Amino acid sequence: ILLLNKYRCNKVFIDVGYGYGTIDILKEKGLGDIVCGIPFNSK
């Protein structure tokens, strides 16, 4: 969030493996349209 506040950024892609908790927090803060969790074993 601090980095998003400092730099312009369209999308944040986070590895879901160990990032699901962080993703949930960011979505709760209203950043669901910017943050995207990526499972490496997905299609």
PDB file of all heavy atoms in Angstrom:
ATOM      1  N   ILE A   1       0.831  -1.206   0.000  1.00  0.00           N
ATOM      2  CA  ILE A   1       0.000   0.000   0.000  1.00  0.00           C
ATOM      3  C   ILE A   1       0.865   1.256   0.000  1.00  0.00           C
ATOM      4  O   ILE A   1       0.573   2.228  -0.708  1.00  0.00           O
ATOM      5  CB  ILE A   1      -0.964  -0.007   1.202  1.00  0.00           C
ATOM      6  CG1 ILE A   1      -2.077  -1.025   0.931  1.00  0.00           C
ATOM      7  CG2 ILE A   1      -1.562   1.358   1.463  1.00  0.00           C
ATOM      8  CD1 ILE A   1      -3.023  -1.244   2.087  1.00  0.00           C
ATOM      9  N   LEU A   2       1.945   1.251   0.770  1.00  0.00           N
ATOM     10  CA  LEU A   2       2.862   2.395   0.770  1.00  0.00           C
ATOM     11  C   LEU A   2       3.460   2.612  -0.618  1.00  0.00           C
ATOM     12  O   LEU A   2       3.601   3.747  -1.082  1.00  0.00           O
ATOM     13  CB  LEU A   2       3.973   2.176   1.794  1.00  0.00           C
ATOM     14  CG  LEU A   2       3.562   2.267   3.272  1.00  0.00           C
ATOM     15  CD1 LEU A   2       4.738   1.881   4.166  1.00  0.00           C
ATOM     16  CD2 LEU A   2       3.076   3.669   3.606  1.00  0.00           C
ATOM     17  N   LEU A   3       3.798   1.511  -1.284  1.00  0.00           N
ATOM     18  CA  LEU A   3       4.369   1.612  -2.628  1.00  0.00           C
ATOM     19  C   LEU A   3       3.327   2.110  -3.636  1.00  0.00           C
ATOM     20  O   LEU A   3       3.632   2.900  -4.528  1.00  0.00           O
ATOM     21  CB  LEU A   3       4.924   0.257  -3.064  1.00  0.00           C
ATOM     22  CG  LEU A   3       6.175  -0.219  -2.314  1.00  0.00           C
ATOM     23  CD1 LEU A   3       6.496  -1.671  -2.656  1.00  0.00           C
ATOM     24  CD2 LEU A   3       7.366   0.678  -2.645  1.00  0.00           C
ATOM     25  N   LEU A   4       2.091   1.655  -3.480  1.00  0.00           N
ATOM     26  CA  LEU A   4       1.021   2.140  -4.356  1.00  0.00           C
ATOM     27  C   LEU A   4       0.763   3.624  -4.146  1.00  0.00           C
ATOM     28  O   LEU A   4       0.381   4.342  -5.070  1.00  0.00           O
ATOM     29  CB  LEU A   4      -0.267   1.355  -4.100  1.00  0.00           C
ATOM     30  CG  LEU A   4      -0.355  -0.043  -4.705  1.00  0.00           C
ATOM     31  CD1 LEU A   4      -1.611  -0.743  -4.226  1.00  0.00           C
ATOM     32  CD2 LEU A   4      -0.321   0.017  -6.228  1.00  0.00           C
ATOM     33  N   ASN A   5       0.976   4.069  -2.931  1.00  0.00           N
ATOM     34  CA  ASN A   5       0.782   5.478  -2.617  1.00  0.00           C
ATOM     35  C   ASN A   5       1.908   6.334  -3.196  1.00  0.00           C
ATOM     36  O   ASN A   5       1.734   7.522  -3.459  1.00  0.00           O
ATOM     37  CB  ASN A   5       0.713   5.666  -1.098  1.00  0.00           C
ATOM     38  CG  ASN A   5       0.151   7.020  -0.712  1.00  0.00           C
ATOM     39  OD1 ASN A   5      -0.645   7.606  -1.428  1.00  0.00           O
ATOM     40  ND2 ASN A   5       0.578   7.527   0.422  1.00  0.00           N
ATOM     41  N   LYS A   6       3.078   5.701  -3.401  1.00  0.00           N
ATOM     42  CA  LYS A   6       4.253   6.430  -3.894  1.00  0.00           C
ATOM     43  C   LYS A   6       4.386   6.363  -5.409  1.00  0.00           C
ATOM     44  O   LYS A   6       4.811   7.312  -6.053  1.00  0.00           O
ATOM     45  CB  LYS A   6       5.501   5.866  -3.227  1.00  0.00           C
ATOM     46  CG  LYS A   6       6.782   6.624  -3.538  1.00  0.00           C
ATOM     47  CD  LYS A   6       7.954   6.063  -2.737  1.00  0.00           C
ATOM     48  CE  LYS A   6       9.232   6.842  -3.021  1.00  0.00           C
ATOM     49  NZ  LYS A   6      10.385   6.310  -2.246  1.00  0.00           N
ATOM     50  N   TYR A   7       4.029   5.205  -5.980  1.00  0.00           N
ATOM     51  CA  TYR A   7       4.217   4.999  -7.420  1.00  0.00           C
ATOM     52  C   TYR A   7       2.883   4.703  -8.094  1.00  0.00           C
ATOM     53  O   TYR A   7       2.016   4.049  -7.521  1.00  0.00           O
ATOM     54  CB  TYR A   7       5.161   3.830  -7.681  1.00  0.00           C
ATOM     55  CG  TYR A   7       6.503   3.974  -7.026  1.00  0.00           C
ATOM     56  CD1 TYR A   7       6.816   3.244  -5.889  1.00  0.00           C
ATOM     57  CD2 TYR A   7       7.460   4.856  -7.529  1.00  0.00           C
ATOM     58  CE1 TYR A   7       8.054   3.371  -5.275  1.00  0.00           C
ATOM     59  CE2 TYR A   7       8.695   4.990  -6.923  1.00  0.00           C
ATOM     60  CZ  TYR A   7       8.981   4.243  -5.797  1.00  0.00           C
ATOM     61  OH  TYR A   7      10.193   4.367  -5.189  1.00  0.00           O
ATOM     62  N   ARG A   8       2.751   5.157  -9.345  1.00  0.00           N
ATOM     63  CA  ARG A   8       1.572   4.811 -10.131  1.00  0.00           C
ATOM     64  C   ARG A   8       1.680   3.349 -10.555  1.00  0.00           C
ATOM     65  O   ARG A   8       2.731   2.896 -10.973  1.00  0.00           O
ATOM     66  CB  ARG A   8       1.483   5.704 -11.356  1.00  0.00           C
ATOM     67  CG  ARG A   8       1.326   7.174 -11.026  1.00  0.00           C
ATOM     68  CD  ARG A   8       1.151   7.977 -12.288  1.00  0.00           C
ATOM     69  NE  ARG A   8       2.198   7.702 -13.265  1.00  0.00           N
ATOM     70  CZ  ARG A   8       2.161   8.087 -14.527  1.00  0.00           C
ATOM     71  NH1 ARG A   8       1.131   8.758 -14.968  1.00  0.00           N
ATOM     72  NH2 ARG A   8       3.149   7.821 -15.349  1.00  0.00           N
ATOM     73  N   CYS A   9       0.611   2.617 -10.450  1.00  0.00           N
ATOM     74  CA  CYS A   9       0.660   1.205 -10.803  1.00  0.00           C
ATOM     75  C   CYS A   9      -0.737   0.740 -11.191  1.00  0.00           C
ATOM     76  O   CYS A   9      -1.704   1.003 -10.475  1.00  0.00           O
ATOM     77  CB  CYS A   9       1.189   0.399  -9.616  1.00  0.00           C
ATOM     78  SG  CYS A   9       1.572  -1.304 -10.009  1.00  0.00           S
ATOM     79  N   ASN A  10      -0.841   0.066 -12.325  1.00  0.00           N
ATOM     80  CA  ASN A  10      -2.140  -0.414 -12.790  1.00  0.00           C
ATOM     81  C   ASN A  10      -2.603  -1.681 -12.100  1.00  0.00           C
ATOM     82  O   ASN A  10      -3.774  -1.848 -11.806  1.00  0.00           O
ATOM     83  CB  ASN A  10      -2.088  -0.732 -14.294  1.00  0.00           C
ATOM     84  CG  ASN A  10      -2.077   0.505 -15.129  1.00  0.00           C
ATOM     85  OD1 ASN A  10      -1.020   1.100 -15.283  1.00  0.00           O
ATOM     86  ND2 ASN A  10      -3.205   0.903 -15.677  1.00  0.00           N
ATOM     87  N   LYS A  11      -1.642  -2.577 -11.865  1.00  0.00           N
ATOM     88  CA  LYS A  11      -2.022  -3.896 -11.368  1.00  0.00           C
ATOM     89  C   LYS A  11      -0.926  -4.452 -10.472  1.00  0.00           C
ATOM     90  O   LYS A  11       0.259  -4.247 -10.722  1.00  0.00           O
ATOM     91  CB  LYS A  11      -2.242  -4.834 -12.561  1.00  0.00           C
ATOM     92  CG  LYS A  11      -3.190  -5.984 -12.291  1.00  0.00           C
ATOM     93  CD  LYS A  11      -4.630  -5.527 -12.371  1.00  0.00           C
ATOM     94  CE  LYS A  11      -5.592  -6.709 -12.271  1.00  0.00           C
ATOM     95  NZ  LYS A  11      -6.994  -6.274 -12.315  1.00  0.00           N
ATOM     96  N   VAL A  12      -1.358  -5.169  -9.434  1.00  0.00           N
ATOM     97  CA  VAL A  12      -0.433  -5.844  -8.522  1.00  0.00           C
ATOM     98  C   VAL A  12      -0.716  -7.338  -8.611  1.00  0.00           C
ATOM     99  O   VAL A  12      -1.820  -7.788  -8.289  1.00  0.00           O
ATOM    100  CB  VAL A  12      -0.618  -5.366  -7.068  1.00  0.00           C
ATOM    101  CG1 VAL A  12       0.363  -6.087  -6.144  1.00  0.00           C
ATOM    102  CG2 VAL A  12      -0.427  -3.854  -6.973  1.00  0.00           C
ATOM    103  N   PHE A  13       0.277  -8.106  -9.047  1.00  0.00           N
ATOM    104  CA  PHE A  13       0.137  -9.550  -9.156  1.00  0.00           C
ATOM    105  C   PHE A  13       0.924 -10.207  -8.026  1.00  0.00           C
ATOM    106  O   PHE A  13       2.129  -9.988  -7.886  1.00  0.00           O
ATOM    107  CB  PHE A  13       0.659 -10.040 -10.506  1.00  0.00           C
ATOM    108  CG  PHE A  13      -0.102  -9.495 -11.682  1.00  0.00           C
ATOM    109  CD1 PHE A  13       0.471  -8.535 -12.510  1.00  0.00           C
ATOM    110  CD2 PHE A  13      -1.390  -9.933 -11.957  1.00  0.00           C
ATOM    111  CE1 PHE A  13      -0.227  -8.026 -13.599  1.00  0.00           C
ATOM    112  CE2 PHE A  13      -2.097  -9.430 -13.049  1.00  0.00           C
ATOM    113  CZ  PHE A  13      -1.513  -8.478 -13.865  1.00  0.00           C
ATOM    114  N   ILE A  14       0.241 -11.019  -7.227  1.00  0.00           N
ATOM    115  CA  ILE A  14       0.846 -11.642  -6.054  1.00  0.00           C
ATOM    116  C   ILE A  14       0.736 -13.161  -6.153  1.00  0.00           C
ATOM    117  O   ILE A  14      -0.340 -13.693  -6.463  1.00  0.00           O
ATOM    118  CB  ILE A  14       0.166 -11.170  -4.756  1.00  0.00           C
ATOM    119  CG1 ILE A  14       0.196  -9.635  -4.668  1.00  0.00           C
ATOM    120  CG2 ILE A  14       0.838 -11.784  -3.530  1.00  0.00           C
ATOM    121  CD1 ILE A  14      -0.562  -9.071  -3.470  1.00  0.00           C
ATOM    122  N   ASP A  15       1.833 -13.867  -5.874  1.00  0.00           N
ATOM    123  CA  ASP A  15       1.810 -15.321  -5.840  1.00  0.00           C
ATOM    124  C   ASP A  15       0.884 -15.772  -4.708  1.00  0.00           C
ATOM    125  O   ASP A  15       1.108 -15.448  -3.542  1.00  0.00           O
ATOM    126  CB  ASP A  15       3.232 -15.843  -5.612  1.00  0.00           C
ATOM    127  CG  ASP A  15       3.295 -17.357  -5.511  1.00  0.00           C
ATOM    128  OD1 ASP A  15       2.285 -18.020  -5.787  1.00  0.00           O
ATOM    129  OD2 ASP A  15       4.380 -17.874  -5.154  1.00  0.00           O
ATOM    130  N   VAL A  16      -0.153 -16.516  -5.065  1.00  0.00           N
ATOM    131  CA  VAL A  16      -1.150 -16.936  -4.081  1.00  0.00           C
ATOM    132  C   VAL A  16      -0.559 -17.897  -3.050  1.00  0.00           C
ATOM    133  O   VAL A  16      -0.983 -17.918  -1.892  1.00  0.00           O
ATOM    134  CB  VAL A  16      -2.347 -17.601  -4.794  1.00  0.00           C
ATOM    135  CG1 VAL A  16      -3.243 -18.325  -3.805  1.00  0.00           C
ATOM    136  CG2 VAL A  16      -3.151 -16.548  -5.541  1.00  0.00           C
ATOM    137  N   GLY A  17       0.447 -18.683  -3.451  1.00  0.00           N
ATOM    138  CA  GLY A  17       1.005 -19.715  -2.589  1.00  0.00           C
ATOM    139  C   GLY A  17       1.181 -19.295  -1.139  1.00  0.00           C
ATOM    140  O   GLY A  17       0.700 -19.955  -0.214  1.00  0.00           O
ATOM    141  N   TYR A  18       1.895 -18.185  -0.915  1.00  0.00           N
ATOM    142  CA  TYR A  18       2.109 -17.661   0.430  1.00  0.00           C
ATOM    143  C   TYR A  18       1.586 -16.230   0.547  1.00  0.00           C
ATOM    144  O   TYR A  18       1.934 -15.534   1.495  1.00  0.00           O
ATOM    145  CB  TYR A  18       3.596 -17.702   0.792  1.00  0.00           C
ATOM    146  CG  TYR A  18       4.087 -19.095   1.106  1.00  0.00           C
ATOM    147  CD1 TYR A  18       4.406 -19.981   0.083  1.00  0.00           C
ATOM    148  CD2 TYR A  18       4.211 -19.528   2.416  1.00  0.00           C
ATOM    149  CE1 TYR A  18       4.843 -21.264   0.359  1.00  0.00           C
ATOM    150  CE2 TYR A  18       4.655 -20.812   2.710  1.00  0.00           C
ATOM    151  CZ  TYR A  18       4.973 -21.677   1.677  1.00  0.00           C
ATOM    152  OH  TYR A  18       5.405 -22.954   1.944  1.00  0.00           O
ATOM    153  N   GLY A  19       0.754 -15.827  -0.410  1.00  0.00           N
ATOM    154  CA  GLY A  19       0.280 -14.447  -0.394  1.00  0.00           C
ATOM    155  C   GLY A  19      -1.208 -14.289  -0.221  1.00  0.00           C
ATOM    156  O   GLY A  19      -1.724 -13.170  -0.270  1.00  0.00           O
ATOM    157  N   TYR A  20      -1.923 -15.398   0.006  1.00  0.00           N
ATOM    158  CA  TYR A  20      -3.389 -15.297   0.059  1.00  0.00           C
ATOM    159  C   TYR A  20      -3.874 -14.401   1.191  1.00  0.00           C
ATOM    160  O   TYR A  20      -4.851 -13.669   1.046  1.00  0.00           O
ATOM    161  CB  TYR A  20      -4.021 -16.686   0.159  1.00  0.00           C
ATOM    162  CG  TYR A  20      -3.530 -17.524   1.306  1.00  0.00           C
ATOM    163  CD1 TYR A  20      -4.120 -17.451   2.552  1.00  0.00           C
ATOM    164  CD2 TYR A  20      -2.473 -18.418   1.126  1.00  0.00           C
ATOM    165  CE1 TYR A  20      -3.671 -18.222   3.609  1.00  0.00           C
ATOM    166  CE2 TYR A  20      -2.016 -19.194   2.179  1.00  0.00           C
ATOM    167  CZ  TYR A  20      -2.606 -19.087   3.421  1.00  0.00           C
ATOM    168  OH  TYR A  20      -2.145 -19.851   4.466  1.00  0.00           O
ATOM    169  N   GLY A  21      -3.182 -14.430   2.347  1.00  0.00           N
ATOM    170  CA  GLY A  21      -3.585 -13.577   3.461  1.00  0.00           C
ATOM    171  C   GLY A  21      -3.407 -12.108   3.137  1.00  0.00           C
ATOM    172  O   GLY A  21      -4.279 -11.276   3.436  1.00  0.00           O
ATOM    173  N   THR A  22      -2.289 -11.789   2.506  1.00  0.00           N
ATOM    174  CA  THR A  22      -2.022 -10.407   2.095  1.00  0.00           C
ATOM    175  C   THR A  22      -3.041  -9.951   1.058  1.00  0.00           C
ATOM    176  O   THR A  22      -3.537  -8.823   1.106  1.00  0.00           O
ATOM    177  CB  THR A  22      -0.603 -10.290   1.511  1.00  0.00           C
ATOM    178  OG1 THR A  22       0.347 -10.587   2.538  1.00  0.00           O
ATOM    179  CG2 THR A  22      -0.343  -8.892   0.965  1.00  0.00           C
ATOM    180  N   ILE A  23      -3.378 -10.836   0.136  1.00  0.00           N
ATOM    181  CA  ILE A  23      -4.369 -10.514  -0.897  1.00  0.00           C
ATOM    182  C   ILE A  23      -5.715 -10.191  -0.257  1.00  0.00           C
ATOM    183  O   ILE A  23      -6.375  -9.214  -0.622  1.00  0.00           O
ATOM    184  CB  ILE A  23      -4.508 -11.681  -1.894  1.00  0.00           C
ATOM    185  CG1 ILE A  23      -3.204 -11.868  -2.661  1.00  0.00           C
ATOM    186  CG2 ILE A  23      -5.665 -11.439  -2.857  1.00  0.00           C
ATOM    187  CD1 ILE A  23      -3.131 -13.164  -3.455  1.00  0.00           C
ATOM    188  N   ASP A  24      -6.110 -10.992   0.723  1.00  0.00           N
ATOM    189  CA  ASP A  24      -7.388 -10.763   1.409  1.00  0.00           C
ATOM    190  C   ASP A  24      -7.404  -9.398   2.095  1.00  0.00           C
ATOM    191  O   ASP A  24      -8.407  -8.666   2.035  1.00  0.00           O
ATOM    192  CB  ASP A  24      -7.644 -11.858   2.439  1.00  0.00           C
ATOM    193  CG  ASP A  24      -8.020 -13.183   1.799  1.00  0.00           C
ATOM    194  OD1 ASP A  24      -8.393 -13.186   0.610  1.00  0.00           O
ATOM    195  OD2 ASP A  24      -7.934 -14.221   2.489  1.00  0.00           O
ATOM    196  N   ILE A  25      -6.290  -9.044   2.745  1.00  0.00           N
ATOM    197  CA  ILE A  25      -6.208  -7.753   3.438  1.00  0.00           C
ATOM    198  C   ILE A  25      -6.350  -6.605   2.444  1.00  0.00           C
ATOM    199  O   ILE A  25      -7.095  -5.648   2.679  1.00  0.00           O
ATOM    200  CB  ILE A  25      -4.873  -7.625   4.207  1.00  0.00           C
ATOM    201  CG1 ILE A  25      -4.833  -8.629   5.361  1.00  0.00           C
ATOM    202  CG2 ILE A  25      -4.682  -6.203   4.736  1.00  0.00           C
ATOM    203  CD1 ILE A  25      -3.478  -8.728   6.037  1.00  0.00           C
ATOM    204  N   LEU A  26      -5.642  -6.702   1.325  1.00  0.00           N
ATOM    205  CA  LEU A  26      -5.687  -5.635   0.326  1.00  0.00           C
ATOM    206  C   LEU A  26      -7.082  -5.505  -0.286  1.00  0.00           C
ATOM    207  O   LEU A  26      -7.549  -4.387  -0.547  1.00  0.00           O
ATOM    208  CB  LEU A  26      -4.642  -5.904  -0.760  1.00  0.00           C
ATOM    209  CG  LEU A  26      -3.186  -5.814  -0.302  1.00  0.00           C
ATOM    210  CD1 LEU A  26      -2.251  -6.314  -1.391  1.00  0.00           C
ATOM    211  CD2 LEU A  26      -2.825  -4.385   0.079  1.00  0.00           C
ATOM    212  N   LYS A  27      -7.740  -6.623  -0.496  1.00  0.00           N
ATOM    213  CA  LYS A  27      -9.094  -6.576  -1.044  1.00  0.00           C
ATOM    214  C   LYS A  27     -10.063  -5.972  -0.030  1.00  0.00           C
ATOM    215  O   LYS A  27     -10.981  -5.243  -0.408  1.00  0.00           O
ATOM    216  CB  LYS A  27      -9.535  -7.971  -1.466  1.00  0.00           C
ATOM    217  CG  LYS A  27      -8.827  -8.457  -2.732  1.00  0.00           C
ATOM    218  CD  LYS A  27      -9.354  -9.798  -3.202  1.00  0.00           C
ATOM    219  CE  LYS A  27      -8.699 -10.196  -4.516  1.00  0.00           C
ATOM    220  NZ  LYS A  27      -9.200 -11.509  -5.024  1.00  0.00           N
ATOM    221  N   GLU A  28      -9.853  -6.283   1.242  1.00  0.00           N
ATOM    222  CA  GLU A  28     -10.691  -5.678   2.283  1.00  0.00           C
ATOM    223  C   GLU A  28     -10.516  -4.164   2.337  1.00  0.00           C
ATOM    224  O   GLU A  28     -11.432  -3.442   2.755  1.00  0.00           O
ATOM    225  CB  GLU A  28     -10.337  -6.288   3.637  1.00  0.00           C
ATOM    226  CG  GLU A  28     -10.804  -7.724   3.813  1.00  0.00           C
ATOM    227  CD  GLU A  28     -10.302  -8.339   5.098  1.00  0.00           C
ATOM    228  OE1 GLU A  28      -9.587  -7.635   5.867  1.00  0.00           O
ATOM    229  OE2 GLU A  28     -10.607  -9.527   5.354  1.00  0.00           O
ATOM    230  N   LYS A  29      -9.345  -3.682   1.911  1.00  0.00           N
ATOM    231  CA  LYS A  29      -9.082  -2.246   1.881  1.00  0.00           C
ATOM    232  C   LYS A  29      -9.615  -1.590   0.613  1.00  0.00           C
ATOM    233  O   LYS A  29      -9.381  -0.405   0.371  1.00  0.00           O
ATOM    234  CB  LYS A  29      -7.569  -1.993   1.996  1.00  0.00           C
ATOM    235  CG  LYS A  29      -6.968  -2.432   3.316  1.00  0.00           C
ATOM    236  CD  LYS A  29      -7.545  -1.646   4.475  1.00  0.00           C
ATOM    237  CE  LYS A  29      -6.993  -2.133   5.805  1.00  0.00           C
ATOM    238  NZ  LYS A  29      -7.581  -1.381   6.945  1.00  0.00           N
ATOM    239  N   GLY A  30     -10.314  -2.353  -0.205  1.00  0.00           N
ATOM    240  CA  GLY A  30     -10.927  -1.781  -1.398  1.00  0.00           C
ATOM    241  C   GLY A  30     -10.049  -1.790  -2.630  1.00  0.00           C
ATOM    242  O   GLY A  30     -10.337  -1.095  -3.604  1.00  0.00           O
ATOM    243  N   LEU A  31      -8.987  -2.613  -2.625  1.00  0.00           N
ATOM    244  CA  LEU A  31      -8.060  -2.638  -3.751  1.00  0.00           C
ATOM    245  C   LEU A  31      -8.235  -3.878  -4.628  1.00  0.00           C
ATOM    246  O   LEU A  31      -7.323  -4.276  -5.339  1.00  0.00           O
ATOM    247  CB  LEU A  31      -6.618  -2.565  -3.237  1.00  0.00           C
ATOM    248  CG  LEU A  31      -6.279  -1.290  -2.450  1.00  0.00           C
ATOM    249  CD1 LEU A  31      -4.879  -1.378  -1.856  1.00  0.00           C
ATOM    250  CD2 LEU A  31      -6.395  -0.061  -3.343  1.00  0.00           C
ATOM    251  N   GLY A  32      -9.427  -4.461  -4.587  1.00  0.00           N
ATOM    252  CA  GLY A  32      -9.679  -5.676  -5.339  1.00  0.00           C
ATOM    253  C   GLY A  32      -9.567  -5.526  -6.844  1.00  0.00           C
ATOM    254  O   GLY A  32      -9.287  -6.498  -7.550  1.00  0.00           O
ATOM    255  N   ASP A  33      -9.768  -4.319  -7.354  1.00  0.00           N
ATOM    256  CA  ASP A  33      -9.665  -4.106  -8.800  1.00  0.00           C
ATOM    257  C   ASP A  33      -8.217  -3.912  -9.245  1.00  0.00           C
ATOM    258  O   ASP A  33      -7.926  -3.914 -10.451  1.00  0.00           O
ATOM    259  CB  ASP A  33     -10.507  -2.905  -9.234  1.00  0.00           C
ATOM    260  CG  ASP A  33     -10.136  -1.632  -8.492  1.00  0.00           C
ATOM    261  OD1 ASP A  33      -9.567  -1.735  -7.379  1.00  0.00           O
ATOM    262  OD2 ASP A  33     -10.425  -0.540  -9.017  1.00  0.00           O
ATOM    263  N   ILE A  34      -7.310  -3.751  -8.293  1.00  0.00           N
ATOM    264  CA  ILE A  34      -5.897  -3.558  -8.603  1.00  0.00           C
ATOM    265  C   ILE A  34      -5.085  -4.812  -8.294  1.00  0.00           C
ATOM    266  O   ILE A  34      -4.180  -5.183  -9.029  1.00  0.00           O
ATOM    267  CB  ILE A  34      -5.318  -2.365  -7.806  1.00  0.00           C
ATOM    268  CG1 ILE A  34      -6.047  -1.082  -8.177  1.00  0.00           C
ATOM    269  CG2 ILE A  34      -3.809  -2.211  -8.051  1.00  0.00           C
ATOM    270  CD1 ILE A  34      -5.649   0.106  -7.320  1.00  0.00           C
ATOM    271  N   VAL A  35      -5.454  -5.492  -7.208  1.00  0.00           N
ATOM    272  CA  VAL A  35      -4.709  -6.657  -6.725  1.00  0.00           C
ATOM    273  C   VAL A  35      -5.261  -7.933  -7.336  1.00  0.00           C
ATOM    274  O   VAL A  35      -6.475  -8.143  -7.387  1.00  0.00           O
ATOM    275  CB  VAL A  35      -4.769  -6.732  -5.188  1.00  0.00           C
ATOM    276  CG1 VAL A  35      -4.125  -8.016  -4.687  1.00  0.00           C
ATOM    277  CG2 VAL A  35      -4.097  -5.510  -4.576  1.00  0.00           C
ATOM    278  N   CYS A  36      -4.353  -8.799  -7.778  1.00  0.00           N
ATOM    279  CA  CYS A  36      -4.757 -10.057  -8.403  1.00  0.00           C
ATOM    280  C   CYS A  36      -3.852 -11.179  -7.898  1.00  0.00           C
ATOM    281  O   CYS A  36      -2.632 -11.104  -8.028  1.00  0.00           O
ATOM    282  CB  CYS A  36      -4.663  -9.940  -9.920  1.00  0.00           C
ATOM    283  SG  CYS A  36      -5.229 -11.406 -10.804  1.00  0.00           S
ATOM    284  N   GLY A  37      -4.451 -12.202  -7.311  1.00  0.00           N
ATOM    285  CA  GLY A  37      -3.688 -13.361  -6.860  1.00  0.00           C
ATOM    286  C   GLY A  37      -3.475 -14.334  -8.005  1.00  0.00           C
ATOM    287  O   GLY A  37      -4.406 -14.629  -8.764  1.00  0.00           O
ATOM    288  N   ILE A  38      -2.247 -14.841  -8.125  1.00  0.00           N
ATOM    289  CA  ILE A  38      -1.907 -15.738  -9.232  1.00  0.00           C
ATOM    290  C   ILE A  38      -1.442 -17.088  -8.684  1.00  0.00           C
ATOM    291  O   ILE A  38      -0.366 -17.191  -8.088  1.00  0.00           O
ATOM    292  CB  ILE A  38      -0.791 -15.138 -10.121  1.00  0.00           C
ATOM    293  CG1 ILE A  38      -1.215 -13.773 -10.677  1.00  0.00           C
ATOM    294  CG2 ILE A  38      -0.434 -16.107 -11.250  1.00  0.00           C
ATOM    295  CD1 ILE A  38      -2.411 -13.805 -11.596  1.00  0.00           C
ATOM    296  N   PRO A  39      -2.225 -18.157  -8.880  1.00  0.00           N
ATOM    297  CA  PRO A  39      -1.764 -19.511  -8.537  1.00  0.00           C
ATOM    298  C   PRO A  39      -0.855 -20.030  -9.662  1.00  0.00           C
ATOM    299  O   PRO A  39      -1.278 -20.069 -10.816  1.00  0.00           O
ATOM    300  CB  PRO A  39      -3.056 -20.318  -8.450  1.00  0.00           C
ATOM    301  CG  PRO A  39      -4.178 -19.319  -8.558  1.00  0.00           C
ATOM    302  CD  PRO A  39      -3.629 -18.143  -9.282  1.00  0.00           C
ATOM    303  N   PHE A  40       0.359 -20.405  -9.337  1.00  0.00           N
ATOM    304  CA  PHE A  40       1.297 -20.831 -10.376  1.00  0.00           C
ATOM    305  C   PHE A  40       0.857 -22.114 -11.079  1.00  0.00           C
ATOM    306  O   PHE A  40       1.268 -22.370 -12.210  1.00  0.00           O
ATOM    307  CB  PHE A  40       2.687 -21.029  -9.771  1.00  0.00           C
ATOM    308  CG  PHE A  40       3.499 -19.758  -9.674  1.00  0.00           C
ATOM    309  CD1 PHE A  40       2.876 -18.516  -9.603  1.00  0.00           C
ATOM    310  CD2 PHE A  40       4.882 -19.794  -9.662  1.00  0.00           C
ATOM    311  CE1 PHE A  40       3.611 -17.350  -9.517  1.00  0.00           C
ATOM    312  CE2 PHE A  40       5.630 -18.628  -9.572  1.00  0.00           C
ATOM    313  CZ  PHE A  40       4.993 -17.404  -9.507  1.00  0.00           C
ATOM    314  N   ASN A  41       0.032 -22.914 -10.414  1.00  0.00           N
ATOM    315  CA  ASN A  41      -0.401 -24.179 -11.033  1.00  0.00           C
ATOM    316  C   ASN A  41      -1.759 -24.066 -11.716  1.00  0.00           C
ATOM    317  O   ASN A  41      -2.355 -25.074 -12.104  1.00  0.00           O
ATOM    318  CB  ASN A  41      -0.443 -25.286  -9.983  1.00  0.00           C
ATOM    319  CG  ASN A  41      -1.453 -25.003  -8.879  1.00  0.00           C
ATOM    320  OD1 ASN A  41      -1.974 -23.884  -8.788  1.00  0.00           O
ATOM    321  ND2 ASN A  41      -1.727 -25.987  -8.041  1.00  0.00           N
ATOM    322  N   SER A  42      -2.251 -22.831 -11.880  1.00  0.00           N
ATOM    323  CA  SER A  42      -3.558 -22.631 -12.520  1.00  0.00           C
ATOM    324  C   SER A  42      -3.441 -22.727 -14.040  1.00  0.00           C
ATOM    325  O   SER A  42      -2.344 -22.845 -14.594  1.00  0.00           O
ATOM    326  CB  SER A  42      -4.145 -21.278 -12.118  1.00  0.00           C
ATOM    327  OG  SER A  42      -3.301 -20.217 -12.534  1.00  0.00           O
ATOM    328  N   LYS A  43      -4.591 -22.643 -14.700  1.00  0.00           N
ATOM    329  CA  LYS A  43      -4.607 -22.747 -16.158  1.00  0.00           C
ATOM    330  C   LYS A  43      -4.077 -21.458 -16.787  1.00  0.00           C
ATOM    331  O   LYS A  43      -4.369 -20.356 -16.328  1.00  0.00           O
ATOM    332  CB  LYS A  43      -6.025 -23.020 -16.649  1.00  0.00           C
ATOM    333  CG  LYS A  43      -6.553 -24.390 -16.245  1.00  0.00           C
ATOM    334  CD  LYS A  43      -7.957 -24.620 -16.785  1.00  0.00           C
ATOM    335  CE  LYS A  43      -8.470 -25.998 -16.380  1.00  0.00           C
ATOM    336  NZ  LYS A  43      -9.847 -26.254 -16.893  1.00  0.00           N
TER     337      LYS A  43
END
